[in-house]
Amino acid sequence: MGWLENALKTKAAHASLMGTLALTVLAGCSNSSGGLASSSPTASASASATTTATASTATSTKPDPNIELNIWMPPQLKLNATDKDDWVTQYLVPEWNKLHPTVKIKPETLPWDGINEKVSAAMAAKTTPNIIFDYGGRVLPWAQLGAIEPLNDVIPKEDMDKFMKNPMLMKMTSINNNMMIMPYSTSPVALLVNRSLWEDAGAANLLPQDEFRTWTPDQFKAAMKAVANKDKGVYGLTMFGLNETGDQLYNNTIFAYGARLFNDDYSKYVAADDPKSEDALKFFQSLVDEGLVTPHPETVSAVNAGDYFKQHKNGILVASAGTLTGIAQALVDGTATKPINYELVNFPSTMPGKSALKIEYGNGAVFKNSDATKVEWSKKFLAWMWQQTDLPYRGGKVFNVFGKDVVWTKDDKELDFFNKNVTKAGDWPVIDPGWGVIGYGEMRAAMFPEMQKMFIKQSTPRQTLDAIAKKNNDIIAKYKK
């Protein structure tokens, strides 16, 4: 049983949940000081990892083919701060090559804010890679268009049975019970605060003080006011609306205001029907109007926000566990300005003592290909990686959905907070981002121009919601035909 299922059944699950969360990057975006101490894998790295035997990795009398498989991936972390390359290039590929030297793996890194465009172009030109490391928010829309291979044949039945008992996991990784994304990782997302900014302003008391680090919108705004300094170019938060990666901050907060994005069967975008959604957008617009966030969010990307955080130009970032590690590594290599005394907090919420939990499942998919051998071995590679090694957990700073120990979480108080926070999954709403909606990728692309209009006062929050709703429901209707 996964950690979320346990959390839904008991509030005393904290001890059993340690090490069961998981990161992606995320925001299409996002790590922890504890991650820097990870030891390098040895030639027997897979021996210390999960050792689930599957059809994809079973010994075969058939010789390995001579082929090359391409992997596209967003920027990846280093396993250790002193490593030359990311964990995929430096450790994962060499470990695979020891087992299958004739099945070559060629990784290629894509920029965070260019993944969707490059994949969309490749789909149109029929030049997609064999494998992509990415999360469900991007992969499921491609799967809905028929570009992704199901992975059921390389997932053991006992694992599939467990996955199918978790409705939210299935919504985020599958279509009609066909697993389109490797579902073994899970990653919480919250807000990362650089306490140093508030400590320098003598206002650390304005940050969340309760056990689960919750705050109301008014408390959030008061904290923004305490550090905003136009002359120094410093703000509490950088909002972003330059491309579709900006949707996470706004949609997560809509949930924290008590509204939803879609109805249960994804047949309608319903956020515009709930006044609480408009309240959430009014809140964001007020931060812009009052000069409390980085100016001109319509011209800012999520990548910019991360850079500003490292430079002490803002104090809050949407983050997963991988974000913490990235910040820690940047402090070591000198690309971040010291000090960054960071802590995780929840999204501002109108529910007293509560917020909305953002939990993401799955990473990694195989594109369809006319070469059946490449499809077969792409699946084998993904199955080996997630089921028989611990490298994606340690390297990607994600958690195992079944709660199996992941050593990089040890002795880190912020990861401990992530573990503790998700024990509230039975009491707090868990955000359903709508990854399973046909046309979800188009919806993300349709949202940010409307947010840009709102930021420059060409539309009101109400008009913005109505425009987003019309676009999204038109997209839903298009795929129903």
Protein backbone atom coordinates (compact mmCIF):
# COMPACT_ATOMS: atom_id res chain seq x y z
CA MET A 1 0.00 0.00 0.00
CA GLY A 2 1.37 3.48 -0.91
CA TRP A 3 2.06 6.23 1.58
CA LEU A 4 -0.98 8.25 0.54
CA GLU A 5 -3.27 5.30 1.09
CA ASN A 6 -1.76 4.88 4.55
CA ALA A 7 -2.18 8.57 5.25
CA LEU A 8 -5.83 8.43 4.34
CA LYS A 9 -6.37 5.68 6.90
CA THR A 10 -4.41 7.00 9.84
CA LYS A 11 -3.09 10.26 11.17
CA ALA A 12 -0.50 8.41 13.20
CA ALA A 13 1.36 7.30 10.09
CA HIS A 14 4.27 9.71 10.42
CA ALA A 15 6.89 7.15 11.42
CA SER A 16 5.93 4.74 8.66
CA LEU A 17 5.91 7.52 6.10
CA MET A 18 9.54 8.54 6.52
CA GLY A 19 11.24 8.31 3.15
CA THR A 20 8.04 7.67 1.19
CA LEU A 21 7.54 11.00 -0.55
CA ALA A 22 8.87 11.82 -3.96
CA LEU A 23 10.07 14.70 -6.11
CA THR A 24 10.19 15.42 -9.76
CA VAL A 25 11.33 18.81 -10.87
CA LEU A 26 9.12 20.38 -11.53
CA ALA A 27 7.08 22.96 -12.49
CA GLY A 28 8.13 21.44 -14.72
CA CYS A 29 10.26 22.94 -12.03
CA SER A 30 12.50 21.74 -8.79
CA ASN A 31 15.99 19.75 -3.00
CA SER A 32 17.72 19.52 0.38
CA SER A 33 20.99 19.98 2.12
CA GLY A 34 20.97 16.31 3.04
CA GLY A 35 21.11 15.32 -0.63
CA LEU A 36 24.68 16.54 -1.01
CA ALA A 37 26.07 13.79 1.17
CA SER A 38 24.88 10.94 -1.04
CA SER A 39 27.60 8.44 -1.84
CA SER A 40 28.44 7.57 -5.43
CA PRO A 41 26.99 4.31 -6.71
CA THR A 42 29.39 1.45 -7.11
CA ALA A 43 29.51 -1.20 -9.79
CA SER A 44 26.85 -3.02 -7.81
CA ALA A 45 24.54 -0.02 -7.36
CA SER A 46 21.52 -2.02 -8.34
CA ALA A 47 22.18 -4.50 -5.55
CA SER A 48 21.27 -1.88 -2.94
CA ALA A 49 18.09 -0.96 -4.73
CA THR A 50 14.65 -2.38 -5.15
CA THR A 51 14.96 -5.79 -6.84
CA THR A 52 11.59 -6.51 -8.36
CA ALA A 53 11.92 -9.16 -11.06
CA THR A 54 9.92 -8.36 -14.17
CA ALA A 55 9.48 -9.71 -17.66
CA SER A 56 11.40 -6.69 -18.96
CA THR A 57 14.57 -7.60 -17.08
CA ALA A 58 14.36 -11.39 -16.96
CA THR A 59 17.35 -13.29 -18.27
CA SER A 60 16.93 -14.11 -21.93
CA THR A 61 18.77 -16.52 -24.21
CA LYS A 62 18.27 -14.05 -27.03
CA PRO A 63 21.35 -11.82 -27.56
CA ASP A 64 21.01 -8.08 -27.00
CA PRO A 65 20.49 -6.06 -30.18
CA ASN A 66 22.89 -3.40 -31.44
CA ILE A 67 20.76 -0.28 -31.10
CA GLU A 68 20.88 3.27 -29.73
CA LEU A 69 18.05 4.72 -27.62
CA ASN A 70 17.61 8.46 -27.24
CA ILE A 71 16.43 10.01 -23.96
CA TRP A 72 15.14 13.57 -23.76
CA MET A 73 15.04 15.06 -20.28
CA PRO A 74 14.78 18.38 -18.47
CA PRO A 75 17.89 19.53 -16.57
CA GLN A 76 18.85 16.87 -14.00
CA LEU A 77 20.60 17.20 -10.65
CA LYS A 78 24.05 15.96 -9.79
CA LEU A 79 24.08 12.99 -7.44
CA ASN A 80 26.95 14.61 -5.53
CA ALA A 81 27.89 18.28 -5.49
CA THR A 82 31.40 17.48 -6.79
CA ASP A 83 30.24 15.39 -9.78
CA LYS A 84 31.04 16.60 -13.26
CA ASP A 85 27.75 15.52 -14.86
CA ASP A 86 24.14 14.94 -13.91
CA TRP A 87 23.13 11.62 -12.32
CA VAL A 88 21.77 10.19 -15.60
CA THR A 89 24.92 10.84 -17.61
CA GLN A 90 27.43 10.05 -14.87
CA TYR A 91 25.86 7.03 -13.20
CA LEU A 92 22.66 5.68 -14.74
CA VAL A 93 23.85 5.23 -18.32
CA PRO A 94 27.22 3.65 -17.35
CA GLU A 95 25.45 1.27 -14.95
CA TRP A 96 23.12 0.16 -17.77
CA ASN A 97 26.03 -0.23 -20.19
CA LYS A 98 27.69 -2.72 -17.86
CA LEU A 99 24.64 -4.95 -18.27
CA HIS A 100 23.77 -4.22 -21.89
CA PRO A 101 26.82 -2.78 -23.68
CA THR A 102 25.30 -3.04 -27.17
CA VAL A 103 22.11 -1.16 -26.24
CA LYS A 104 23.49 2.36 -26.19
CA ILE A 105 21.70 5.15 -24.34
CA LYS A 106 22.08 8.74 -25.53
CA PRO A 107 20.68 11.38 -23.11
CA GLU A 108 19.91 14.92 -24.27
CA THR A 109 19.00 17.75 -21.88
CA LEU A 110 16.21 20.17 -22.83
CA PRO A 111 15.61 23.56 -21.16
CA TRP A 112 12.67 23.65 -18.74
CA ASP A 113 10.80 26.26 -20.71
CA GLY A 114 11.27 24.57 -24.08
CA ILE A 115 10.25 20.95 -23.49
CA ASN A 116 6.65 21.11 -24.64
CA GLU A 117 7.50 23.04 -27.80
CA LYS A 118 10.30 20.67 -28.83
CA VAL A 119 8.25 17.54 -28.18
CA SER A 120 5.21 18.95 -29.99
CA ALA A 121 7.37 19.75 -33.02
CA ALA A 122 8.94 16.29 -32.90
CA MET A 123 5.52 14.64 -32.73
CA ALA A 124 4.43 16.55 -35.83
CA ALA A 125 7.64 15.61 -37.66
CA LYS A 126 7.64 12.01 -36.34
CA THR A 127 11.08 12.52 -34.81
CA THR A 128 10.30 11.92 -31.14
CA PRO A 129 12.93 10.33 -28.90
CA ASN A 130 12.61 6.76 -27.68
CA ILE A 131 12.34 7.72 -24.00
CA ILE A 132 11.46 10.88 -22.14
CA PHE A 133 12.02 11.64 -18.47
CA ASP A 134 9.13 13.92 -17.61
CA TYR A 135 6.11 14.11 -15.35
CA GLY A 136 2.47 13.38 -16.05
CA GLY A 137 1.41 16.98 -16.60
CA ARG A 138 3.20 16.89 -19.93
CA VAL A 139 3.28 13.17 -20.73
CA LEU A 140 -0.43 12.36 -20.36
CA PRO A 141 -1.52 14.95 -22.95
CA TRP A 142 0.91 13.34 -25.42
CA ALA A 143 -0.49 9.94 -24.48
CA GLN A 144 -4.03 11.20 -25.11
CA LEU A 145 -2.90 12.01 -28.64
CA GLY A 146 -1.66 8.44 -29.13
CA ALA A 147 2.09 9.18 -28.99
CA ILE A 148 3.01 7.13 -25.88
CA GLU A 149 3.38 3.36 -25.42
CA PRO A 150 1.54 1.65 -22.51
CA LEU A 151 3.87 0.14 -19.91
CA ASN A 152 1.62 -2.53 -18.36
CA ASP A 153 3.69 -5.34 -19.84
CA VAL A 154 6.79 -4.35 -17.83
CA ILE A 155 5.03 -3.72 -14.51
CA PRO A 156 4.54 -6.75 -12.24
CA LYS A 157 0.91 -7.69 -11.60
CA GLU A 158 1.26 -7.29 -7.84
CA ASP A 159 2.46 -3.73 -8.36
CA MET A 160 -0.33 -2.93 -10.82
CA ASP A 161 -2.88 -4.24 -8.33
CA LYS A 162 -1.56 -1.79 -5.73
CA PHE A 163 -1.46 1.11 -8.18
CA MET A 164 -5.06 0.54 -9.20
CA LYS A 165 -6.19 0.95 -5.58
CA ASN A 166 -4.94 4.55 -5.62
CA PRO A 167 -7.39 6.59 -7.78
CA MET A 168 -5.29 9.77 -7.77
CA LEU A 169 -2.17 7.87 -8.88
CA MET A 170 -4.14 6.27 -11.71
CA LYS A 171 -5.52 9.65 -12.78
CA MET A 172 -1.99 11.04 -13.00
CA THR A 173 -0.26 8.13 -14.74
CA SER A 174 -2.75 6.09 -16.80
CA ILE A 175 -5.45 6.18 -19.45
CA ASN A 176 -8.19 3.55 -19.24
CA ASN A 177 -6.01 1.53 -16.85
CA ASN A 178 -3.14 1.53 -19.33
CA MET A 179 -0.06 2.83 -17.51
CA MET A 180 1.49 5.52 -19.69
CA ILE A 181 4.07 6.78 -17.19
CA MET A 182 6.31 4.79 -14.85
CA PRO A 183 4.39 5.22 -11.58
CA TYR A 184 7.00 4.30 -8.96
CA SER A 185 7.91 7.83 -7.90
CA THR A 186 5.89 10.30 -5.91
CA SER A 187 6.70 13.93 -5.19
CA PRO A 188 5.07 16.53 -2.96
CA VAL A 189 5.18 20.19 -3.96
CA ALA A 190 4.98 23.15 -1.58
CA LEU A 191 6.45 26.64 -1.19
CA LEU A 192 10.13 27.07 -0.34
CA VAL A 193 10.93 30.12 1.79
CA ASN A 194 14.34 31.75 2.19
CA ARG A 195 14.04 32.74 5.86
CA SER A 196 17.18 34.84 5.52
CA LEU A 197 15.23 37.65 3.83
CA TRP A 198 12.73 37.83 6.67
CA GLU A 199 15.38 37.45 9.33
CA ASP A 200 17.31 40.38 7.81
CA ALA A 201 14.08 42.42 7.89
CA GLY A 202 13.39 41.43 11.51
CA ALA A 203 10.14 39.85 10.35
CA ALA A 204 10.68 36.09 10.62
CA ASN A 205 7.69 36.03 13.00
CA LEU A 206 5.46 36.74 9.98
CA LEU A 207 6.25 33.37 8.42
CA PRO A 208 3.99 30.40 9.29
CA GLN A 209 4.31 29.47 12.95
CA ASP A 210 1.93 26.52 13.40
CA GLU A 211 2.91 22.84 13.27
CA PHE A 212 1.96 22.37 9.63
CA ARG A 213 3.19 25.80 8.51
CA THR A 214 -0.10 27.13 7.20
CA TRP A 215 -1.03 30.77 6.64
CA THR A 216 -3.97 32.81 5.42
CA PRO A 217 -3.78 35.11 2.38
CA ASP A 218 -3.70 38.12 4.72
CA GLN A 219 -0.77 36.63 6.66
CA PHE A 220 0.97 35.83 3.39
CA LYS A 221 0.53 39.42 2.18
CA ALA A 222 1.83 40.84 5.46
CA ALA A 223 4.98 38.74 5.03
CA MET A 224 5.39 40.04 1.45
CA LYS A 225 5.14 43.64 2.65
CA ALA A 226 7.87 43.08 5.24
CA VAL A 227 10.57 42.30 2.65
CA ALA A 228 9.43 44.10 -0.52
CA ASN A 229 12.01 46.77 -1.40
CA LYS A 230 11.62 48.29 -4.85
CA ASP A 231 14.89 50.24 -4.61
CA LYS A 232 16.88 47.04 -3.96
CA GLY A 233 14.86 44.96 -6.41
CA VAL A 234 13.88 42.51 -3.65
CA TYR A 235 10.41 40.98 -3.30
CA GLY A 236 8.81 38.23 -1.28
CA LEU A 237 7.59 36.34 -4.34
CA THR A 238 8.10 36.18 -8.08
CA MET A 239 4.94 35.33 -9.97
CA PHE A 240 5.29 34.21 -13.58
CA GLY A 241 3.10 34.28 -16.67
CA LEU A 242 5.50 34.02 -19.59
CA ASN A 243 4.59 30.42 -20.49
CA GLU A 244 2.51 27.47 -19.36
CA THR A 245 4.78 26.55 -16.42
CA GLY A 246 3.11 29.39 -14.54
CA ASP A 247 -0.13 27.48 -14.03
CA GLN A 248 1.02 25.53 -10.97
CA LEU A 249 1.28 28.46 -8.56
CA TYR A 250 -2.16 29.79 -9.48
CA ASN A 251 -4.01 26.48 -9.74
CA ASN A 252 -2.60 25.16 -6.47
CA THR A 253 -3.74 28.32 -4.71
CA ILE A 254 -7.21 28.06 -6.24
CA PHE A 255 -7.45 24.67 -4.52
CA ALA A 256 -6.14 26.18 -1.28
CA TYR A 257 -8.98 28.69 -1.51
CA GLY A 258 -11.38 25.73 -1.51
CA ALA A 259 -12.27 25.53 -5.21
CA ARG A 260 -11.61 22.86 -7.86
CA LEU A 261 -10.46 22.95 -11.47
CA PHE A 262 -12.53 20.13 -13.01
CA ASN A 263 -15.50 17.97 -12.12
CA ASP A 264 -14.95 14.32 -11.22
CA ASP A 265 -15.15 12.88 -14.74
CA TYR A 266 -13.19 15.75 -16.34
CA SER A 267 -16.12 16.62 -18.57
CA LYS A 268 -16.10 20.29 -17.49
CA TYR A 269 -13.70 22.94 -16.23
CA VAL A 270 -15.57 24.20 -13.16
CA ALA A 271 -13.20 26.66 -11.48
CA ALA A 272 -15.00 29.65 -12.99
CA ASP A 273 -18.27 28.48 -11.41
CA ASP A 274 -16.90 28.93 -7.90
CA PRO A 275 -16.46 32.48 -6.50
CA LYS A 276 -13.49 31.22 -4.48
CA SER A 277 -11.49 30.88 -7.71
CA GLU A 278 -12.08 34.54 -8.49
CA ASP A 279 -11.01 35.43 -4.95
CA ALA A 280 -7.72 33.59 -5.54
CA LEU A 281 -7.01 35.54 -8.74
CA LYS A 282 -7.97 38.80 -7.05
CA PHE A 283 -5.44 37.98 -4.37
CA PHE A 284 -2.67 37.49 -6.92
CA GLN A 285 -3.62 40.66 -8.77
CA SER A 286 -3.50 42.60 -5.48
CA LEU A 287 0.09 41.45 -4.92
CA VAL A 288 1.00 42.91 -8.31
CA ASP A 289 -0.97 46.13 -7.78
CA GLU A 290 0.59 46.76 -4.37
CA GLY A 291 4.15 46.21 -5.61
CA LEU A 292 4.77 43.18 -3.39
CA VAL A 293 6.02 40.82 -6.09
CA THR A 294 8.61 41.06 -8.87
CA PRO A 295 7.25 43.60 -11.39
CA HIS A 296 5.81 42.57 -14.76
CA PRO A 297 5.00 38.89 -14.06
CA GLU A 298 3.68 38.66 -17.62
CA THR A 299 7.33 38.73 -18.78
CA VAL A 300 8.74 36.33 -16.16
CA SER A 301 9.20 32.55 -16.40
CA ALA A 302 9.54 29.88 -13.71
CA VAL A 303 13.24 29.63 -14.59
CA ASN A 304 13.63 33.35 -13.89
CA ALA A 305 11.90 32.89 -10.52
CA GLY A 306 14.41 30.20 -9.54
CA ASP A 307 17.34 32.40 -10.52
CA TYR A 308 15.95 35.34 -8.51
CA PHE A 309 15.58 33.11 -5.47
CA LYS A 310 19.25 32.12 -5.66
CA GLN A 311 20.21 35.80 -6.00
CA HIS A 312 18.15 36.94 -2.95
CA LYS A 313 15.83 38.90 -5.23
CA ASN A 314 12.81 36.95 -4.01
CA GLY A 315 12.09 34.84 -0.97
CA ILE A 316 9.52 32.22 -2.03
CA LEU A 317 9.61 29.54 -4.72
CA VAL A 318 7.29 26.72 -5.78
CA ALA A 319 9.35 23.65 -4.91
CA SER A 320 9.71 19.92 -4.62
CA ALA A 321 12.45 18.02 -2.81
CA GLY A 322 14.64 18.32 -5.89
CA THR A 323 14.41 22.10 -5.71
CA LEU A 324 15.96 21.99 -2.26
CA THR A 325 18.87 19.91 -3.52
CA GLY A 326 19.33 22.25 -6.47
CA ILE A 327 19.56 25.22 -4.13
CA ALA A 328 22.00 23.38 -1.87
CA GLN A 329 24.19 22.47 -4.83
CA ALA A 330 24.09 26.08 -6.07
CA LEU A 331 25.34 27.26 -2.69
CA VAL A 332 28.26 24.85 -2.96
CA ASP A 333 29.24 25.74 -6.54
CA GLY A 334 28.83 29.48 -5.98
CA THR A 335 25.89 30.11 -8.31
CA ALA A 336 23.67 31.07 -5.35
CA THR A 337 24.19 33.94 -2.94
CA LYS A 338 24.66 32.98 0.70
CA PRO A 339 22.95 32.72 3.08
CA ILE A 340 19.84 30.83 2.06
CA ASN A 341 18.22 29.52 5.22
CA TYR A 342 15.33 27.67 3.67
CA GLU A 343 12.17 26.00 4.92
CA LEU A 344 9.06 24.53 3.33
CA VAL A 345 5.60 25.98 3.96
CA ASN A 346 2.11 25.39 2.58
CA PHE A 347 0.24 27.46 0.00
CA PRO A 348 -1.76 30.38 1.47
CA SER A 349 -5.25 29.13 2.25
CA THR A 350 -8.64 30.43 3.34
CA MET A 351 -9.20 27.19 5.28
CA PRO A 352 -8.01 27.91 8.85
CA GLY A 353 -5.12 25.64 9.82
CA LYS A 354 -5.33 23.80 6.51
CA SER A 355 -4.11 24.04 2.94
CA ALA A 356 -4.31 21.97 -0.23
CA LEU A 357 -1.72 19.23 -0.73
CA LYS A 358 0.07 18.96 -4.07
CA ILE A 359 1.30 15.40 -4.67
CA GLU A 360 2.64 14.27 -8.04
CA TYR A 361 3.05 10.68 -9.24
CA GLY A 362 5.18 9.10 -11.92
CA ASN A 363 8.01 9.98 -14.27
CA GLY A 364 9.34 8.49 -17.49
CA ALA A 365 7.62 7.31 -20.67
CA VAL A 366 8.28 5.59 -23.99
CA PHE A 367 7.28 7.15 -27.31
CA LYS A 368 5.70 5.00 -30.00
CA ASN A 369 8.11 3.95 -32.73
CA SER A 370 7.89 1.83 -35.87
CA ASP A 371 10.96 -0.08 -34.64
CA ALA A 372 9.47 -2.68 -32.28
CA THR A 373 12.91 -3.60 -30.92
CA LYS A 374 13.55 -0.03 -29.80
CA VAL A 375 10.15 0.12 -28.11
CA GLU A 376 10.82 -3.17 -26.34
CA TRP A 377 14.22 -2.08 -25.05
CA SER A 378 13.06 1.39 -24.11
CA LYS A 379 10.51 -0.26 -21.84
CA LYS A 380 13.15 -2.59 -20.45
CA PHE A 381 15.37 0.35 -19.64
CA LEU A 382 12.63 2.21 -17.75
CA ALA A 383 11.59 -0.93 -15.88
CA TRP A 384 15.20 -1.65 -14.87
CA MET A 385 15.78 1.92 -13.80
CA TRP A 386 12.76 2.23 -11.49
CA GLN A 387 12.40 -1.35 -10.28
CA GLN A 388 15.98 -2.54 -9.90
CA THR A 389 18.05 0.53 -9.05
CA ASP A 390 17.72 3.35 -6.55
CA LEU A 391 19.44 5.86 -8.86
CA PRO A 392 16.32 7.76 -10.00
CA TYR A 393 15.24 8.18 -6.38
CA ARG A 394 18.63 9.39 -5.19
CA GLY A 395 19.46 11.31 -8.35
CA GLY A 396 16.04 12.82 -9.01
CA LYS A 397 15.33 13.32 -5.30
CA VAL A 398 11.98 11.56 -5.49
CA PHE A 399 10.30 9.14 -3.13
CA ASN A 400 9.19 5.55 -3.73
CA VAL A 401 5.42 5.22 -3.88
CA PHE A 402 5.49 2.01 -1.82
CA GLY A 403 7.41 3.67 0.99
CA LYS A 404 10.67 1.81 0.42
CA ASP A 405 13.65 3.45 2.08
CA VAL A 406 15.50 6.08 0.11
CA VAL A 407 18.77 6.98 1.81
CA TRP A 408 18.97 10.59 0.65
CA THR A 409 16.12 11.57 2.98
CA LYS A 410 18.06 10.76 6.14
CA ASP A 411 18.39 13.44 8.82
CA ASP A 412 16.86 16.27 6.78
CA LYS A 413 14.34 18.33 8.72
CA GLU A 414 12.64 19.77 5.63
CA LEU A 415 12.09 16.35 4.09
CA ASP A 416 10.79 15.35 7.48
CA PHE A 417 8.28 18.19 7.11
CA PHE A 418 7.20 16.84 3.70
CA ASN A 419 6.63 13.43 5.29
CA LYS A 420 4.70 14.95 8.17
CA ASN A 421 2.66 17.23 5.94
CA VAL A 422 1.21 14.43 3.82
CA THR A 423 -0.21 12.69 6.88
CA LYS A 424 -2.93 15.35 6.50
CA ALA A 425 -4.07 13.84 3.22
CA GLY A 426 -7.15 12.41 4.92
CA ASP A 427 -8.20 15.84 6.22
CA TRP A 428 -6.98 18.30 3.63
CA PRO A 429 -7.92 18.45 -0.07
CA VAL A 430 -5.44 16.80 -2.42
CA ILE A 431 -5.02 18.81 -5.60
CA ASP A 432 -6.26 17.18 -8.80
CA PRO A 433 -4.49 19.16 -11.54
CA GLY A 434 -6.43 17.48 -14.35
CA TRP A 435 -3.54 15.71 -16.05
CA GLY A 436 -5.95 13.08 -17.34
CA VAL A 437 -8.02 15.58 -19.29
CA ILE A 438 -7.75 15.12 -23.04
CA GLY A 439 -6.20 18.33 -24.29
CA TYR A 440 -4.66 19.23 -20.92
CA GLY A 441 -1.48 20.43 -22.63
CA GLU A 442 -3.53 22.75 -24.83
CA MET A 443 -5.26 24.09 -21.72
CA ARG A 444 -1.94 24.97 -20.13
CA ALA A 445 -0.94 26.83 -23.28
CA ALA A 446 -4.30 28.62 -23.35
CA MET A 447 -4.13 29.79 -19.74
CA PHE A 448 -1.00 31.91 -19.59
CA PRO A 449 -2.02 34.54 -22.22
CA GLU A 450 -5.15 35.17 -20.15
CA MET A 451 -3.05 35.57 -17.00
CA GLN A 452 -0.81 37.99 -18.90
CA LYS A 453 -3.85 40.09 -19.84
CA MET A 454 -4.91 40.19 -16.19
CA PHE A 455 -1.46 41.27 -15.00
CA ILE A 456 -1.40 44.23 -17.42
CA LYS A 457 -5.01 45.19 -16.59
CA GLN A 458 -6.51 44.25 -19.94
CA SER A 459 -8.95 41.98 -18.10
CA THR A 460 -10.29 41.58 -14.58
CA PRO A 461 -9.90 38.39 -12.52
CA ARG A 462 -13.52 37.57 -13.33
CA GLN A 463 -13.02 38.06 -17.06
CA THR A 464 -9.79 36.07 -16.86
CA LEU A 465 -11.53 33.09 -15.27
CA ASP A 466 -14.38 33.25 -17.77
CA ALA A 467 -11.94 33.34 -20.70
CA ILE A 468 -9.95 30.40 -19.33
CA ALA A 469 -13.16 28.45 -18.73
CA LYS A 470 -14.40 29.06 -22.27
CA LYS A 471 -11.10 27.99 -23.80
CA ASN A 472 -10.84 24.89 -21.62
CA ASN A 473 -14.41 23.77 -22.12
CA ASP A 474 -14.08 24.32 -25.87
CA ILE A 475 -11.03 22.04 -25.80
CA ILE A 476 -12.98 19.39 -23.85
CA ALA A 477 -15.86 19.64 -26.35
CA LYS A 478 -13.46 19.33 -29.29
CA TYR A 479 -12.16 15.98 -28.08
CA LYS A 480 -15.64 14.67 -27.29
CA LYS A 481 -16.60 14.81 -30.97
